[in-house]
Amino acid sequence: MATNNSEIFYETKGTAYLAVVENGKIILGDAGFEFEYKNPRRGQNIFFTWSSIKSAEVDVSISGKLGQQFF
């Protein structure tokens, strides 16, 4: 699936908690924050431009590894 970002800075597995739990990829790029569904039949990627984001939080585990949840 195509991304809205022309340059990707970071990419990792992630989970979106919508009406159901959706697995996919979290992509941080030059244009914004994006969630790409693992199953392409689920629809278009969820995309937020950097200018629309006021704050972000990340879940970091005790072992120091980056978690799969962003808020």
N, C-alpha and C. Protein backbone atom coordinates (compact mmCIF):
# COMPACT_ATOMS: atom_id res chain seq x y z
N MET A 1 0.85 -1.18 0.00
CA MET A 1 0.00 0.00 0.00
C MET A 1 0.89 1.24 0.00
N ALA A 2 0.49 2.26 -0.69
CA ALA A 2 1.28 3.50 -0.80
C ALA A 2 1.15 4.33 0.46
N THR A 3 2.22 4.99 0.81
CA THR A 3 2.24 5.85 1.98
C THR A 3 2.04 7.30 1.57
N ASN A 4 1.55 8.12 2.49
CA ASN A 4 1.38 9.55 2.24
C ASN A 4 2.68 10.31 2.42
N ASN A 5 3.69 9.66 3.02
CA ASN A 5 4.98 10.27 3.27
C ASN A 5 5.91 10.02 2.08
N SER A 6 6.69 11.03 1.70
CA SER A 6 7.68 10.83 0.64
C SER A 6 8.99 10.32 1.22
N GLU A 7 9.22 10.55 2.54
CA GLU A 7 10.41 10.07 3.21
C GLU A 7 9.99 9.47 4.55
N ILE A 8 10.45 8.26 4.85
CA ILE A 8 10.10 7.57 6.10
C ILE A 8 11.28 7.63 7.04
N PHE A 9 11.03 8.14 8.28
CA PHE A 9 12.08 8.25 9.30
C PHE A 9 12.08 7.05 10.24
N TYR A 10 10.90 6.49 10.53
CA TYR A 10 10.79 5.37 11.45
C TYR A 10 9.58 4.54 11.09
N GLU A 11 9.70 3.21 11.21
CA GLU A 11 8.61 2.30 10.90
C GLU A 11 8.67 1.12 11.87
N THR A 12 7.52 0.72 12.44
CA THR A 12 7.46 -0.40 13.38
C THR A 12 6.08 -1.03 13.34
N LYS A 13 5.97 -2.23 13.91
CA LYS A 13 4.66 -2.87 14.02
C LYS A 13 3.81 -2.07 15.00
N GLY A 14 2.50 -2.08 14.79
CA GLY A 14 1.62 -1.34 15.68
C GLY A 14 0.22 -1.90 15.70
N THR A 15 -0.58 -1.40 16.62
CA THR A 15 -1.96 -1.84 16.78
C THR A 15 -2.86 -0.61 16.90
N ALA A 16 -3.95 -0.60 16.14
CA ALA A 16 -4.95 0.46 16.23
C ALA A 16 -6.17 -0.12 16.95
N TYR A 17 -6.63 0.59 17.98
CA TYR A 17 -7.80 0.15 18.73
C TYR A 17 -9.00 0.98 18.26
N LEU A 18 -9.71 0.44 17.28
CA LEU A 18 -10.89 1.11 16.74
C LEU A 18 -12.11 0.32 17.25
N ALA A 19 -13.09 0.07 16.43
CA ALA A 19 -14.21 -0.77 16.85
C ALA A 19 -13.73 -2.19 17.12
N VAL A 20 -12.68 -2.60 16.41
CA VAL A 20 -11.99 -3.87 16.63
C VAL A 20 -10.49 -3.58 16.65
N VAL A 21 -9.70 -4.53 17.12
CA VAL A 21 -8.25 -4.37 17.15
C VAL A 21 -7.71 -4.63 15.74
N GLU A 22 -6.93 -3.69 15.22
CA GLU A 22 -6.35 -3.80 13.88
C GLU A 22 -4.83 -3.78 13.99
N ASN A 23 -4.18 -4.75 13.39
CA ASN A 23 -2.73 -4.78 13.36
C ASN A 23 -2.22 -4.13 12.08
N GLY A 24 -1.02 -3.60 12.15
CA GLY A 24 -0.43 -2.97 10.97
C GLY A 24 0.93 -2.38 11.29
N LYS A 25 1.26 -1.30 10.62
CA LYS A 25 2.54 -0.63 10.79
C LYS A 25 2.32 0.83 11.16
N ILE A 26 3.16 1.32 12.06
CA ILE A 26 3.19 2.74 12.39
C ILE A 26 4.34 3.34 11.60
N ILE A 27 4.07 4.39 10.87
CA ILE A 27 5.07 5.04 10.02
C ILE A 27 5.18 6.51 10.41
N LEU A 28 6.40 6.94 10.72
CA LEU A 28 6.67 8.36 10.97
C LEU A 28 7.48 8.86 9.79
N GLY A 29 6.95 9.86 9.10
CA GLY A 29 7.62 10.37 7.91
C GLY A 29 7.64 11.87 7.86
N ASP A 30 8.08 12.39 6.74
CA ASP A 30 8.21 13.83 6.59
C ASP A 30 6.86 14.55 6.57
N ALA A 31 5.80 13.88 6.12
CA ALA A 31 4.49 14.52 6.01
C ALA A 31 3.63 14.33 7.26
N GLY A 32 3.88 13.24 8.02
CA GLY A 32 3.07 13.03 9.21
C GLY A 32 3.16 11.64 9.78
N PHE A 33 2.23 11.33 10.67
CA PHE A 33 2.10 10.06 11.38
C PHE A 33 1.08 9.22 10.64
N GLU A 34 1.41 7.96 10.38
CA GLU A 34 0.54 7.13 9.57
C GLU A 34 0.42 5.72 10.14
N PHE A 35 -0.78 5.15 10.09
CA PHE A 35 -0.99 3.76 10.43
C PHE A 35 -1.42 3.04 9.17
N GLU A 36 -0.65 2.01 8.79
CA GLU A 36 -0.95 1.23 7.59
C GLU A 36 -1.51 -0.12 8.02
N TYR A 37 -2.73 -0.43 7.60
CA TYR A 37 -3.36 -1.69 7.95
C TYR A 37 -2.55 -2.87 7.41
N LYS A 38 -2.48 -3.95 8.20
CA LYS A 38 -1.82 -5.18 7.74
C LYS A 38 -2.63 -5.79 6.60
N ASN A 39 -3.95 -5.74 6.72
CA ASN A 39 -4.86 -6.25 5.69
C ASN A 39 -5.26 -5.08 4.80
N PRO A 40 -4.79 -5.03 3.56
CA PRO A 40 -5.09 -3.89 2.68
C PRO A 40 -6.57 -3.74 2.34
N ARG A 41 -7.38 -4.77 2.56
CA ARG A 41 -8.81 -4.67 2.27
C ARG A 41 -9.56 -3.88 3.34
N ARG A 42 -8.90 -3.51 4.44
CA ARG A 42 -9.54 -2.76 5.52
C ARG A 42 -9.80 -1.31 5.16
N GLY A 43 -9.13 -0.81 4.15
CA GLY A 43 -9.36 0.57 3.75
C GLY A 43 -8.08 1.35 3.64
N GLN A 44 -8.22 2.67 3.55
CA GLN A 44 -7.07 3.54 3.42
C GLN A 44 -6.34 3.66 4.75
N ASN A 45 -5.06 4.01 4.66
CA ASN A 45 -4.26 4.23 5.85
C ASN A 45 -4.86 5.35 6.70
N ILE A 46 -4.63 5.29 8.01
CA ILE A 46 -4.99 6.39 8.91
C ILE A 46 -3.81 7.35 8.88
N PHE A 47 -4.05 8.62 8.60
CA PHE A 47 -2.96 9.58 8.41
C PHE A 47 -3.26 10.89 9.11
N PHE A 48 -2.26 11.39 9.86
CA PHE A 48 -2.35 12.69 10.53
C PHE A 48 -1.14 13.52 10.12
N THR A 49 -1.38 14.72 9.62
CA THR A 49 -0.26 15.60 9.29
C THR A 49 0.37 16.11 10.57
N TRP A 50 1.64 16.47 10.50
CA TRP A 50 2.34 16.96 11.70
C TRP A 50 1.68 18.22 12.26
N SER A 51 1.13 19.06 11.40
CA SER A 51 0.50 20.30 11.87
C SER A 51 -0.79 20.04 12.65
N SER A 52 -1.41 18.87 12.48
CA SER A 52 -2.66 18.56 13.19
C SER A 52 -2.42 17.86 14.53
N ILE A 53 -1.18 17.49 14.83
CA ILE A 53 -0.86 16.78 16.06
C ILE A 53 -0.40 17.78 17.12
N LYS A 54 -1.09 17.78 18.26
CA LYS A 54 -0.73 18.69 19.35
C LYS A 54 0.19 18.03 20.36
N SER A 55 0.01 16.72 20.60
CA SER A 55 0.89 15.99 21.51
C SER A 55 0.85 14.51 21.15
N ALA A 56 1.87 13.78 21.60
CA ALA A 56 1.95 12.34 21.35
C ALA A 56 2.59 11.66 22.55
N GLU A 57 2.16 10.44 22.84
CA GLU A 57 2.73 9.65 23.92
C GLU A 57 3.06 8.28 23.37
N VAL A 58 4.07 7.66 23.92
CA VAL A 58 4.46 6.32 23.49
C VAL A 58 4.58 5.43 24.72
N ASP A 59 4.22 4.17 24.58
CA ASP A 59 4.31 3.19 25.66
C ASP A 59 5.67 2.53 25.58
N VAL A 60 6.52 2.74 26.60
CA VAL A 60 7.85 2.13 26.65
C VAL A 60 7.83 1.05 27.72
N SER A 61 8.24 -0.15 27.37
CA SER A 61 8.22 -1.25 28.32
C SER A 61 9.33 -1.12 29.36
N ILE A 62 9.24 -1.92 30.41
CA ILE A 62 10.24 -1.90 31.48
C ILE A 62 11.61 -2.30 30.96
N SER A 63 11.67 -3.19 29.98
CA SER A 63 12.95 -3.63 29.44
C SER A 63 13.59 -2.57 28.54
N GLY A 64 12.92 -1.43 28.36
CA GLY A 64 13.48 -0.34 27.57
C GLY A 64 13.18 -0.41 26.09
N LYS A 65 12.42 -1.40 25.67
CA LYS A 65 12.06 -1.52 24.25
C LYS A 65 10.85 -0.66 23.95
N LEU A 66 10.80 -0.12 22.75
CA LEU A 66 9.68 0.71 22.34
C LEU A 66 8.44 -0.15 22.16
N GLY A 67 7.35 0.25 22.80
CA GLY A 67 6.11 -0.49 22.70
C GLY A 67 5.41 -0.23 21.38
N GLN A 68 4.31 -0.94 21.16
CA GLN A 68 3.56 -0.83 19.92
C GLN A 68 2.38 0.12 20.03
N GLN A 69 2.24 0.83 21.14
CA GLN A 69 1.10 1.70 21.32
C GLN A 69 1.50 3.16 21.34
N PHE A 70 0.83 3.95 20.52
CA PHE A 70 1.01 5.40 20.50
C PHE A 70 -0.32 6.04 20.85
N PHE A 71 -0.28 7.17 21.53
CA PHE A 71 -1.50 7.89 21.92
C PHE A 71 -1.42 9.31 21.43
